[in-house]
């Protein structure tokens, strides 16, 4: 029988050893523990974890835990996601926004969130009321 492949997204089982990869209230990143109870369903996976000092913490999200032997894989995936986010941020050019500011169009602020038709209607009403 072939061995089951375990990935970073594979749910943990009761008794499995885990490590925190994000701090949670009262706990720091890197603390190790053991799964005591599995609850949740589908994409919403939560665990009760008993840490080395004997404390039992409930409702720990799956994304906050990793198998200790898979920590390097998790770190690599996080670094790739961060670099992809930086590349996407760098790819969005600020030149069109700068040109829009110089032209008096957009450039951030509340006016960018209001549809142009409403802004024009408001300008027309203001001109009508002020006589100009």
N, C-alpha and C. Protein backbone atom coordinates (compact mmCIF):
# COMPACT_ATOMS: atom_id res chain seq x y z
N UNK A 1 0.84 -1.17 0.00
CA UNK A 1 0.00 0.00 0.00
C UNK A 1 0.89 1.25 0.00
N UNK A 2 0.56 2.20 -0.84
CA UNK A 2 1.36 3.42 -0.96
C UNK A 2 1.15 4.31 0.26
N UNK A 3 2.22 5.02 0.62
CA UNK A 3 2.14 5.94 1.75
C UNK A 3 1.33 7.17 1.36
N UNK A 4 0.60 7.68 2.33
CA UNK A 4 -0.18 8.89 2.11
C UNK A 4 0.75 10.09 2.09
N UNK A 5 0.55 10.98 1.13
CA UNK A 5 1.36 12.17 1.02
C UNK A 5 0.84 13.22 1.99
N UNK A 6 1.74 13.77 2.79
CA UNK A 6 1.38 14.79 3.76
C UNK A 6 1.90 16.13 3.25
N UNK A 7 1.00 17.11 3.12
CA UNK A 7 1.40 18.44 2.68
C UNK A 7 1.13 19.44 3.81
N UNK A 8 1.44 20.69 3.55
CA UNK A 8 1.21 21.73 4.56
C UNK A 8 -0.28 21.92 4.85
N UNK A 9 -1.13 21.58 3.89
CA UNK A 9 -2.56 21.77 4.05
C UNK A 9 -3.29 20.54 4.59
N UNK A 10 -2.57 19.44 4.76
CA UNK A 10 -3.17 18.22 5.29
C UNK A 10 -3.59 18.45 6.74
N UNK A 11 -4.85 18.14 7.09
CA UNK A 11 -5.30 18.34 8.47
C UNK A 11 -4.47 17.52 9.46
N UNK A 12 -4.31 18.07 10.65
CA UNK A 12 -3.59 17.37 11.71
C UNK A 12 -4.50 16.32 12.33
N UNK A 13 -3.88 15.30 12.92
CA UNK A 13 -4.63 14.26 13.62
C UNK A 13 -4.35 14.39 15.11
N UNK A 14 -5.24 13.84 15.89
CA UNK A 14 -5.08 13.84 17.34
C UNK A 14 -3.77 13.17 17.71
N UNK A 15 -3.00 13.82 18.59
CA UNK A 15 -1.74 13.26 19.04
C UNK A 15 -0.54 13.71 18.22
N UNK A 16 -0.78 14.39 17.12
CA UNK A 16 0.32 14.83 16.25
C UNK A 16 1.04 16.03 16.87
N UNK A 17 2.37 16.06 16.72
CA UNK A 17 3.17 17.16 17.25
C UNK A 17 3.17 18.31 16.26
N UNK A 18 3.00 19.54 16.79
CA UNK A 18 2.89 20.73 15.95
C UNK A 18 3.75 21.86 16.53
N UNK A 19 3.90 22.91 15.72
CA UNK A 19 4.65 24.08 16.13
C UNK A 19 3.87 25.32 15.68
N UNK A 20 3.85 26.35 16.52
CA UNK A 20 3.19 27.61 16.16
C UNK A 20 4.05 28.39 15.18
N UNK A 21 3.44 28.88 14.10
CA UNK A 21 4.17 29.71 13.15
C UNK A 21 3.73 31.17 13.21
N UNK A 22 2.63 31.44 13.89
CA UNK A 22 2.17 32.80 14.15
C UNK A 22 1.87 32.89 15.64
N UNK A 23 2.19 34.01 16.27
CA UNK A 23 1.85 34.14 17.68
C UNK A 23 0.34 34.19 17.89
N UNK A 24 -0.11 33.59 18.97
CA UNK A 24 -1.51 33.67 19.37
C UNK A 24 -1.54 34.24 20.78
N UNK A 25 -2.68 34.71 21.26
CA UNK A 25 -2.71 35.30 22.61
C UNK A 25 -2.14 34.35 23.66
N UNK A 26 -1.13 34.82 24.37
CA UNK A 26 -0.51 34.03 25.43
C UNK A 26 0.57 33.08 24.97
N UNK A 27 0.84 33.02 23.66
CA UNK A 27 1.83 32.10 23.11
C UNK A 27 2.69 32.82 22.08
N UNK A 28 3.93 32.36 21.94
CA UNK A 28 4.83 32.97 20.98
C UNK A 28 5.07 32.04 19.80
N UNK A 29 5.54 32.61 18.72
CA UNK A 29 5.88 31.84 17.54
C UNK A 29 7.00 30.86 17.87
N UNK A 30 6.89 29.64 17.38
CA UNK A 30 7.92 28.63 17.58
C UNK A 30 7.64 27.66 18.72
N UNK A 31 6.62 27.94 19.55
CA UNK A 31 6.30 27.01 20.64
C UNK A 31 5.76 25.71 20.05
N UNK A 32 6.09 24.62 20.73
CA UNK A 32 5.66 23.30 20.26
C UNK A 32 4.60 22.72 21.17
N UNK A 33 3.75 21.91 20.57
CA UNK A 33 2.69 21.28 21.34
C UNK A 33 2.20 20.03 20.64
N UNK A 34 1.09 19.52 21.16
CA UNK A 34 0.52 18.28 20.63
C UNK A 34 -0.99 18.49 20.47
N UNK A 35 -1.54 18.02 19.36
CA UNK A 35 -2.97 18.15 19.09
C UNK A 35 -3.74 17.27 20.07
N UNK A 36 -4.68 17.91 20.80
CA UNK A 36 -5.53 17.16 21.73
C UNK A 36 -6.90 16.89 21.16
N UNK A 37 -7.41 17.84 20.37
CA UNK A 37 -8.75 17.70 19.82
C UNK A 37 -8.80 18.40 18.47
N UNK A 38 -9.48 17.79 17.52
CA UNK A 38 -9.67 18.37 16.19
C UNK A 38 -11.13 18.72 16.06
N UNK A 39 -11.42 19.97 15.67
CA UNK A 39 -12.81 20.35 15.39
C UNK A 39 -12.84 21.28 14.19
N UNK A 40 -14.02 21.59 13.72
CA UNK A 40 -14.18 22.38 12.51
C UNK A 40 -14.53 21.47 11.35
N UNK A 41 -14.72 22.08 10.18
CA UNK A 41 -15.06 21.30 9.00
C UNK A 41 -14.63 22.06 7.75
N UNK A 42 -14.50 21.33 6.65
CA UNK A 42 -14.08 21.88 5.36
C UNK A 42 -12.86 22.78 5.51
N UNK A 43 -13.00 24.04 5.15
CA UNK A 43 -11.88 24.99 5.20
C UNK A 43 -11.68 25.59 6.58
N UNK A 44 -12.62 25.39 7.48
CA UNK A 44 -12.56 25.97 8.82
C UNK A 44 -12.09 24.90 9.79
N UNK A 45 -10.76 24.80 9.93
CA UNK A 45 -10.19 23.77 10.80
C UNK A 45 -9.63 24.44 12.05
N UNK A 46 -10.02 23.92 13.21
CA UNK A 46 -9.53 24.43 14.49
C UNK A 46 -9.06 23.26 15.32
N UNK A 47 -8.10 23.56 16.21
CA UNK A 47 -7.50 22.51 17.03
C UNK A 47 -7.36 22.97 18.47
N UNK A 48 -7.42 22.01 19.38
CA UNK A 48 -7.03 22.23 20.76
C UNK A 48 -5.62 21.69 20.87
N UNK A 49 -4.71 22.52 21.37
CA UNK A 49 -3.30 22.15 21.42
C UNK A 49 -2.82 22.19 22.86
N UNK A 50 -2.17 21.10 23.31
CA UNK A 50 -1.55 21.06 24.63
C UNK A 50 -0.07 21.36 24.44
N UNK A 51 0.38 22.48 25.04
CA UNK A 51 1.76 22.91 24.87
C UNK A 51 2.66 22.24 25.89
N UNK A 52 3.97 22.41 25.74
CA UNK A 52 4.97 21.74 26.56
C UNK A 52 4.80 22.04 28.05
N UNK A 53 4.29 23.24 28.38
CA UNK A 53 4.12 23.58 29.79
C UNK A 53 2.82 23.03 30.37
N UNK A 54 2.06 22.27 29.59
CA UNK A 54 0.85 21.63 30.07
C UNK A 54 -0.43 22.41 29.81
N UNK A 55 -0.31 23.66 29.34
CA UNK A 55 -1.51 24.46 29.07
C UNK A 55 -2.21 23.94 27.82
N UNK A 56 -3.54 23.96 27.87
CA UNK A 56 -4.37 23.54 26.75
C UNK A 56 -5.02 24.78 26.17
N UNK A 57 -4.78 25.04 24.89
CA UNK A 57 -5.34 26.21 24.21
C UNK A 57 -6.27 25.72 23.11
N UNK A 58 -7.49 26.25 23.10
CA UNK A 58 -8.48 25.84 22.12
C UNK A 58 -8.62 26.83 20.99
N UNK A 59 -9.28 26.39 19.93
CA UNK A 59 -9.59 27.19 18.76
C UNK A 59 -8.36 27.79 18.09
N UNK A 60 -7.32 26.99 17.93
CA UNK A 60 -6.12 27.41 17.22
C UNK A 60 -6.33 27.08 15.75
N UNK A 61 -6.18 28.07 14.89
CA UNK A 61 -6.42 27.91 13.46
C UNK A 61 -5.35 27.03 12.81
N UNK A 62 -5.75 26.32 11.77
CA UNK A 62 -4.83 25.46 11.03
C UNK A 62 -3.66 26.26 10.46
N UNK A 63 -3.91 27.50 10.03
CA UNK A 63 -2.87 28.33 9.43
C UNK A 63 -1.81 28.76 10.45
N UNK A 64 -2.10 28.64 11.72
CA UNK A 64 -1.16 29.03 12.77
C UNK A 64 -0.24 27.89 13.19
N UNK A 65 -0.47 26.70 12.64
CA UNK A 65 0.29 25.52 13.04
C UNK A 65 0.98 24.88 11.85
N UNK A 66 2.09 24.20 12.12
CA UNK A 66 2.79 23.43 11.10
C UNK A 66 3.48 22.25 11.78
N UNK A 67 3.66 21.18 11.03
CA UNK A 67 4.43 20.05 11.55
C UNK A 67 5.89 20.50 11.64
N UNK A 68 6.58 20.22 12.74
CA UNK A 68 7.97 20.70 12.88
C UNK A 68 8.88 20.30 11.72
N UNK A 69 8.72 19.10 11.18
CA UNK A 69 9.59 18.67 10.09
C UNK A 69 9.25 19.39 8.78
N UNK A 70 8.08 20.02 8.71
CA UNK A 70 7.66 20.72 7.50
C UNK A 70 7.86 22.24 7.60
N UNK A 71 8.48 22.68 8.69
CA UNK A 71 8.68 24.12 8.87
C UNK A 71 9.49 24.74 7.73
N UNK A 72 10.59 24.12 7.25
CA UNK A 72 11.32 24.72 6.12
C UNK A 72 10.45 24.90 4.87
N UNK A 73 9.59 23.94 4.59
CA UNK A 73 8.67 24.06 3.44
C UNK A 73 7.70 25.20 3.64
N UNK A 74 7.19 25.34 4.87
CA UNK A 74 6.27 26.43 5.18
C UNK A 74 6.97 27.77 5.01
N UNK A 75 8.20 27.89 5.51
CA UNK A 75 8.96 29.14 5.42
C UNK A 75 9.19 29.51 3.95
N UNK A 76 9.51 28.52 3.12
CA UNK A 76 9.73 28.76 1.70
C UNK A 76 8.45 29.24 1.03
N UNK A 77 7.31 28.62 1.36
CA UNK A 77 6.04 29.03 0.78
C UNK A 77 5.68 30.46 1.19
N UNK A 78 5.96 30.83 2.44
CA UNK A 78 5.68 32.19 2.92
C UNK A 78 6.57 33.20 2.20
N UNK A 79 7.84 32.88 1.99
CA UNK A 79 8.76 33.77 1.30
C UNK A 79 8.34 33.96 -0.16
N UNK A 80 7.90 32.88 -0.80
CA UNK A 80 7.43 32.99 -2.19
C UNK A 80 6.18 33.87 -2.27
N UNK A 81 5.27 33.72 -1.32
CA UNK A 81 4.06 34.54 -1.30
C UNK A 81 4.41 36.01 -1.07
N UNK A 82 5.37 36.27 -0.20
CA UNK A 82 5.78 37.65 0.07
C UNK A 82 6.44 38.27 -1.15
N UNK A 83 7.30 37.51 -1.83
CA UNK A 83 7.96 38.05 -3.02
C UNK A 83 6.96 38.27 -4.15
N UNK A 84 5.96 37.40 -4.26
CA UNK A 84 4.92 37.59 -5.28
C UNK A 84 4.10 38.84 -4.99
N UNK A 85 3.83 39.09 -3.71
CA UNK A 85 3.08 40.29 -3.34
C UNK A 85 3.89 41.54 -3.62
N UNK A 86 5.20 41.49 -3.35
CA UNK A 86 6.06 42.63 -3.65
C UNK A 86 6.14 42.87 -5.15
N UNK A 87 6.23 41.81 -5.93
CA UNK A 87 6.29 41.95 -7.38
C UNK A 87 5.00 42.54 -7.92
N UNK A 88 3.87 42.13 -7.36
CA UNK A 88 2.59 42.68 -7.79
C UNK A 88 2.48 44.15 -7.43
N UNK A 89 2.98 44.52 -6.25
CA UNK A 89 2.94 45.92 -5.83
C UNK A 89 3.88 46.76 -6.68
N UNK A 90 5.04 46.22 -7.03
CA UNK A 90 5.99 46.95 -7.86
C UNK A 90 5.49 47.03 -9.30
N UNK A 91 4.73 46.05 -9.72
CA UNK A 91 4.20 46.02 -11.09
C UNK A 91 3.13 47.06 -11.33
N UNK A 92 2.41 47.45 -10.29
CA UNK A 92 1.39 48.47 -10.46
C UNK A 92 2.08 49.81 -10.51
N UNK A 93 2.02 50.44 -11.65
CA UNK A 93 2.75 51.68 -11.89
C UNK A 93 2.09 52.86 -11.20
N UNK A 94 2.90 53.75 -10.66
CA UNK A 94 2.38 54.96 -10.03
C UNK A 94 2.37 56.12 -11.00
N UNK A 95 2.92 55.95 -12.21
CA UNK A 95 2.95 57.03 -13.19
C UNK A 95 1.56 57.47 -13.63
N UNK A 96 0.61 56.58 -13.94
CA UNK A 96 -0.72 57.04 -14.31
C UNK A 96 -1.39 57.83 -13.18
N UNK A 97 -1.16 57.43 -11.94
CA UNK A 97 -1.76 58.16 -10.82
C UNK A 97 -1.15 59.55 -10.71
N UNK A 98 0.17 59.66 -10.93
CA UNK A 98 0.82 60.96 -10.86
C UNK A 98 0.30 61.87 -11.97
N UNK A 99 0.10 61.33 -13.17
CA UNK A 99 -0.43 62.12 -14.28
C UNK A 99 -1.85 62.57 -13.98
N UNK A 100 -2.63 61.72 -13.33
CA UNK A 100 -4.00 62.08 -12.99
C UNK A 100 -4.03 63.20 -11.96
N UNK A 101 -3.10 63.19 -11.01
CA UNK A 101 -3.05 64.24 -10.00
C UNK A 101 -2.71 65.57 -10.65
N UNK A 102 -1.72 65.54 -11.58
CA UNK A 102 -1.33 66.77 -12.26
C UNK A 102 -2.47 67.32 -13.10
N UNK A 103 -3.27 66.44 -13.67
CA UNK A 103 -4.38 66.87 -14.50
C UNK A 103 -5.59 67.26 -13.67
N UNK A 104 -5.55 67.01 -12.37
CA UNK A 104 -6.69 67.33 -11.52
C UNK A 104 -7.69 66.20 -11.43
N UNK A 105 -7.37 65.06 -12.01
CA UNK A 105 -8.24 63.89 -11.97
C UNK A 105 -7.75 62.92 -10.92
N UNK A 106 -8.59 62.50 -10.03
CA UNK A 106 -8.26 61.44 -9.08
C UNK A 106 -7.03 61.75 -8.27
N UNK A 107 -6.18 60.75 -8.13
CA UNK A 107 -4.97 60.91 -7.35
C UNK A 107 -5.18 60.53 -5.90
N UNK A 108 -6.21 59.81 -5.62
CA UNK A 108 -6.45 59.39 -4.25
C UNK A 108 -7.50 60.26 -3.59
N UNK A 109 -7.91 59.85 -2.44
CA UNK A 109 -8.90 60.62 -1.70
C UNK A 109 -10.32 60.17 -1.97
N UNK A 110 -11.24 60.93 -1.42
CA UNK A 110 -12.65 60.58 -1.50
C UNK A 110 -13.19 60.71 -2.91
N UNK A 111 -12.70 61.67 -3.67
CA UNK A 111 -13.21 61.90 -5.03
C UNK A 111 -13.05 60.68 -5.91
N UNK A 112 -12.06 59.84 -5.65
CA UNK A 112 -11.87 58.64 -6.45
C UNK A 112 -12.92 57.57 -6.14
N UNK A 113 -13.55 57.68 -5.01
CA UNK A 113 -14.54 56.68 -4.62
C UNK A 113 -15.95 57.05 -5.08
N UNK A 114 -16.15 58.29 -5.51
CA UNK A 114 -17.47 58.77 -5.92
C UNK A 114 -17.56 58.71 -7.44
N UNK A 115 -18.64 58.16 -7.97
CA UNK A 115 -18.78 58.08 -9.43
C UNK A 115 -18.73 59.48 -10.07
N UNK A 116 -18.13 59.55 -11.25
CA UNK A 116 -17.95 60.82 -11.95
C UNK A 116 -19.29 61.52 -12.22
N UNK A 117 -20.33 60.76 -12.53
CA UNK A 117 -21.65 61.36 -12.81
C UNK A 117 -22.18 62.11 -11.59
N UNK A 118 -21.98 61.56 -10.39
CA UNK A 118 -22.44 62.23 -9.19
C UNK A 118 -21.63 63.49 -8.91
N UNK A 119 -20.33 63.43 -9.16
CA UNK A 119 -19.50 64.61 -8.97
C UNK A 119 -19.91 65.73 -9.92
N UNK A 120 -20.18 65.39 -11.17
CA UNK A 120 -20.59 66.40 -12.14
C UNK A 120 -21.95 67.00 -11.76
N UNK A 121 -22.86 66.16 -11.31
CA UNK A 121 -24.18 66.66 -10.89
C UNK A 121 -24.03 67.60 -9.70
N UNK A 122 -23.13 67.27 -8.79
CA UNK A 122 -22.88 68.12 -7.63
C UNK A 122 -22.28 69.46 -8.05
N UNK A 123 -21.32 69.43 -8.98
CA UNK A 123 -20.72 70.67 -9.48
C UNK A 123 -21.77 71.56 -10.14
N UNK A 124 -22.65 70.95 -10.94
CA UNK A 124 -23.70 71.71 -11.62
C UNK A 124 -24.66 72.34 -10.61
N UNK A 125 -25.04 71.60 -9.57
CA UNK A 125 -25.94 72.14 -8.55
C UNK A 125 -25.28 73.26 -7.79
N UNK A 126 -24.00 73.11 -7.48
CA UNK A 126 -23.26 74.17 -6.76
C UNK A 126 -23.19 75.43 -7.62
N UNK A 127 -22.91 75.26 -8.91
CA UNK A 127 -22.85 76.42 -9.82
C UNK A 127 -24.21 77.09 -9.91
N UNK A 128 -25.27 76.30 -9.97
CA UNK A 128 -26.63 76.83 -10.05
C UNK A 128 -26.98 77.63 -8.80
N UNK A 129 -26.60 77.14 -7.63
CA UNK A 129 -26.96 77.79 -6.35
C UNK A 129 -26.11 79.04 -6.11
N UNK A 130 -24.87 79.02 -6.53
CA UNK A 130 -23.99 80.16 -6.28
C UNK A 130 -24.05 81.18 -7.41
N UNK A 131 -24.74 80.83 -8.47
CA UNK A 131 -24.87 81.75 -9.60
C UNK A 131 -23.64 81.81 -10.47
N UNK A 132 -22.82 80.83 -10.40
CA UNK A 132 -21.60 80.92 -11.22
C UNK A 132 -21.22 79.69 -11.79
